[in-house]
Amino acid sequence: MTGRRGGRRLVPAYLSTNGTARPSRPQLERLSLLTTSGTPVPPGLPAAQLALLDALREGSLTVVEAAALLELPVSAVRVLAGDLLDQDLVLARAPVPVAERFDPDLLKRVADGLRALKQH
C-alpha cells in the first residue's frame, strides 16, 4: 500500500476496502480508539485488514493515527476497522468527550495559591 515517488498510490484506496464506501459501524469516529481483541486471525483476511491489525499490535491507535500509518484515507480505515469489529478482531472505544469549560476564576485562585507557596 505504499505510493510511488510521484505521490500517486499504486493501489487506489477504495480497493483496500473491496469497494465498500461506508463503514458498517457509523459510530466509528476519527478519534475512536482501536485495539486488537486478541482473537486469532482467520485465514484469508484481506491485506489491508491484516495491515491494520499489524499496526495495532504495537498498541492502541486512533482511527486517524492508523490512517496516517497505513497511508490511507480516514474513510477507508473506518471501513476496515468496521469490518474487523464485525469479526471481533478489533475493539473500539468512543473518543473521550471534550471536557467542560474550565472556570477562569478557579484557575486564577490556584495560580495565586501556587505563587504564594513559592514565596514562602
Protein backbone atom coordinates (compact mmCIF):
# COMPACT_ATOMS: atom_id res chain seq x y z
CA MET A 1 0.00 0.00 0.00
CA THR A 2 2.91 2.29 -0.46
CA GLY A 3 2.89 5.02 -3.04
CA ARG A 4 5.30 5.83 -5.80
CA ARG A 5 7.79 8.65 -5.56
CA GLY A 6 5.43 10.91 -7.52
CA GLY A 7 2.93 10.67 -4.67
CA ARG A 8 0.32 8.68 -6.58
CA ARG A 9 -0.70 5.46 -4.86
CA LEU A 10 -0.12 2.19 -6.65
CA VAL A 11 -3.44 0.85 -5.36
CA PRO A 12 -6.44 3.17 -5.07
CA ALA A 13 -7.81 3.41 -1.52
CA TYR A 14 -11.24 2.05 -2.49
CA LEU A 15 -9.62 -1.24 -3.47
CA SER A 16 -8.30 -1.69 0.06
CA THR A 17 -11.92 -1.76 1.24
CA ASN A 18 -13.11 -4.07 -1.56
CA GLY A 19 -15.11 -1.19 -2.99
CA THR A 20 -17.07 -0.58 0.21
CA ALA A 21 -17.68 3.13 0.68
CA ARG A 22 -19.34 3.27 4.11
CA PRO A 23 -18.28 1.63 7.38
CA SER A 24 -20.59 -0.96 8.90
CA ARG A 25 -20.23 0.94 12.17
CA PRO A 26 -21.15 4.59 11.58
CA GLN A 27 -20.34 5.40 15.23
CA LEU A 28 -16.62 4.98 14.46
CA GLU A 29 -15.18 8.47 14.59
CA ARG A 30 -11.81 9.91 13.65
CA LEU A 31 -10.72 9.80 17.30
CA SER A 32 -12.18 6.39 18.17
CA LEU A 33 -9.50 4.27 19.80
CA LEU A 34 -8.79 0.91 18.14
CA THR A 35 -7.21 -2.08 19.91
CA THR A 36 -6.75 -5.69 18.90
CA SER A 37 -9.08 -8.07 20.69
CA GLY A 38 -6.62 -10.95 20.88
CA THR A 39 -8.88 -13.20 18.83
CA PRO A 40 -6.91 -15.44 16.44
CA VAL A 41 -6.78 -14.04 12.91
CA PRO A 42 -8.72 -16.22 10.45
CA PRO A 43 -7.02 -17.24 7.22
CA GLY A 44 -7.87 -15.35 4.06
CA LEU A 45 -8.19 -11.90 5.61
CA PRO A 46 -7.62 -9.11 3.04
CA ALA A 47 -4.18 -7.49 3.05
CA ALA A 48 -5.47 -4.09 4.17
CA GLN A 49 -7.20 -5.60 7.21
CA LEU A 50 -4.03 -7.55 8.05
CA ALA A 51 -2.03 -4.32 7.78
CA LEU A 52 -4.38 -2.59 10.22
CA LEU A 53 -4.17 -5.50 12.67
CA ASP A 54 -0.40 -5.45 12.35
CA ALA A 55 -0.31 -1.72 13.12
CA LEU A 56 -2.43 -2.32 16.22
CA ARG A 57 -0.05 -4.98 17.57
CA GLU A 58 2.25 -2.15 18.68
CA GLY A 59 -0.58 -0.72 20.81
CA SER A 60 -3.83 1.17 20.55
CA LEU A 61 -4.28 3.79 17.84
CA THR A 62 -6.99 6.26 16.94
CA VAL A 63 -8.57 5.88 13.52
CA VAL A 64 -6.70 8.99 12.36
CA GLU A 65 -3.34 7.65 13.56
CA ALA A 66 -3.96 4.30 11.87
CA ALA A 67 -4.87 6.09 8.64
CA ALA A 68 -1.63 8.08 8.73
CA LEU A 69 0.42 4.98 9.49
CA LEU A 70 -1.20 2.96 6.69
CA GLU A 71 -1.19 5.94 4.32
CA LEU A 72 -4.91 5.50 3.68
CA PRO A 73 -7.79 7.96 3.90
CA VAL A 74 -9.60 8.04 7.24
CA SER A 75 -12.77 6.89 5.48
CA ALA A 76 -11.02 3.73 4.26
CA VAL A 77 -9.67 2.93 7.73
CA ARG A 78 -13.16 3.42 9.18
CA VAL A 79 -14.42 0.78 6.72
CA LEU A 80 -11.56 -1.60 7.53
CA ALA A 81 -12.00 -1.12 11.28
CA GLY A 82 -15.75 -1.67 10.99
CA ASP A 83 -15.17 -4.96 9.18
CA LEU A 84 -12.67 -6.06 11.84
CA LEU A 85 -15.12 -5.06 14.59
CA ASP A 86 -17.80 -7.18 12.93
CA GLN A 87 -15.40 -10.15 13.10
CA ASP A 88 -14.49 -9.42 16.76
CA LEU A 89 -10.83 -8.94 15.79
CA VAL A 90 -10.71 -5.31 16.97
CA LEU A 91 -12.20 -3.39 19.87
CA ALA A 92 -13.16 0.26 19.56
CA ARG A 93 -13.71 2.85 22.24
CA ALA A 94 -15.51 6.10 21.62
CA PRO A 95 -13.36 9.22 21.82
CA VAL A 96 -13.06 10.90 25.19
CA PRO A 97 -15.63 13.72 25.28
CA VAL A 98 -14.39 17.27 25.36
CA ALA A 99 -14.17 18.47 28.94
CA GLU A 100 -16.49 21.10 30.25
CA ARG A 101 -15.18 24.64 30.03
CA PHE A 102 -12.86 25.47 32.86
CA ASP A 103 -13.64 28.11 35.44
CA PRO A 104 -11.18 31.00 34.86
CA ASP A 105 -11.71 32.23 38.43
CA LEU A 106 -10.72 28.84 39.84
CA LEU A 107 -7.56 28.78 37.70
CA LYS A 108 -6.65 32.30 38.90
CA ARG A 109 -7.08 31.25 42.53
CA VAL A 110 -4.93 28.14 42.00
CA ALA A 111 -2.20 30.21 40.30
CA ASP A 112 -2.32 32.76 43.13
CA GLY A 113 -2.05 29.96 45.69
CA LEU A 114 0.95 28.46 43.88
CA ARG A 115 2.66 31.84 43.76
CA ALA A 116 2.04 32.27 47.49
CA LEU A 117 3.59 28.85 48.20
CA LYS A 118 6.61 29.65 46.06
CA GLN A 119 7.28 32.88 48.01
CA HIS A 120 7.45 31.05 51.36
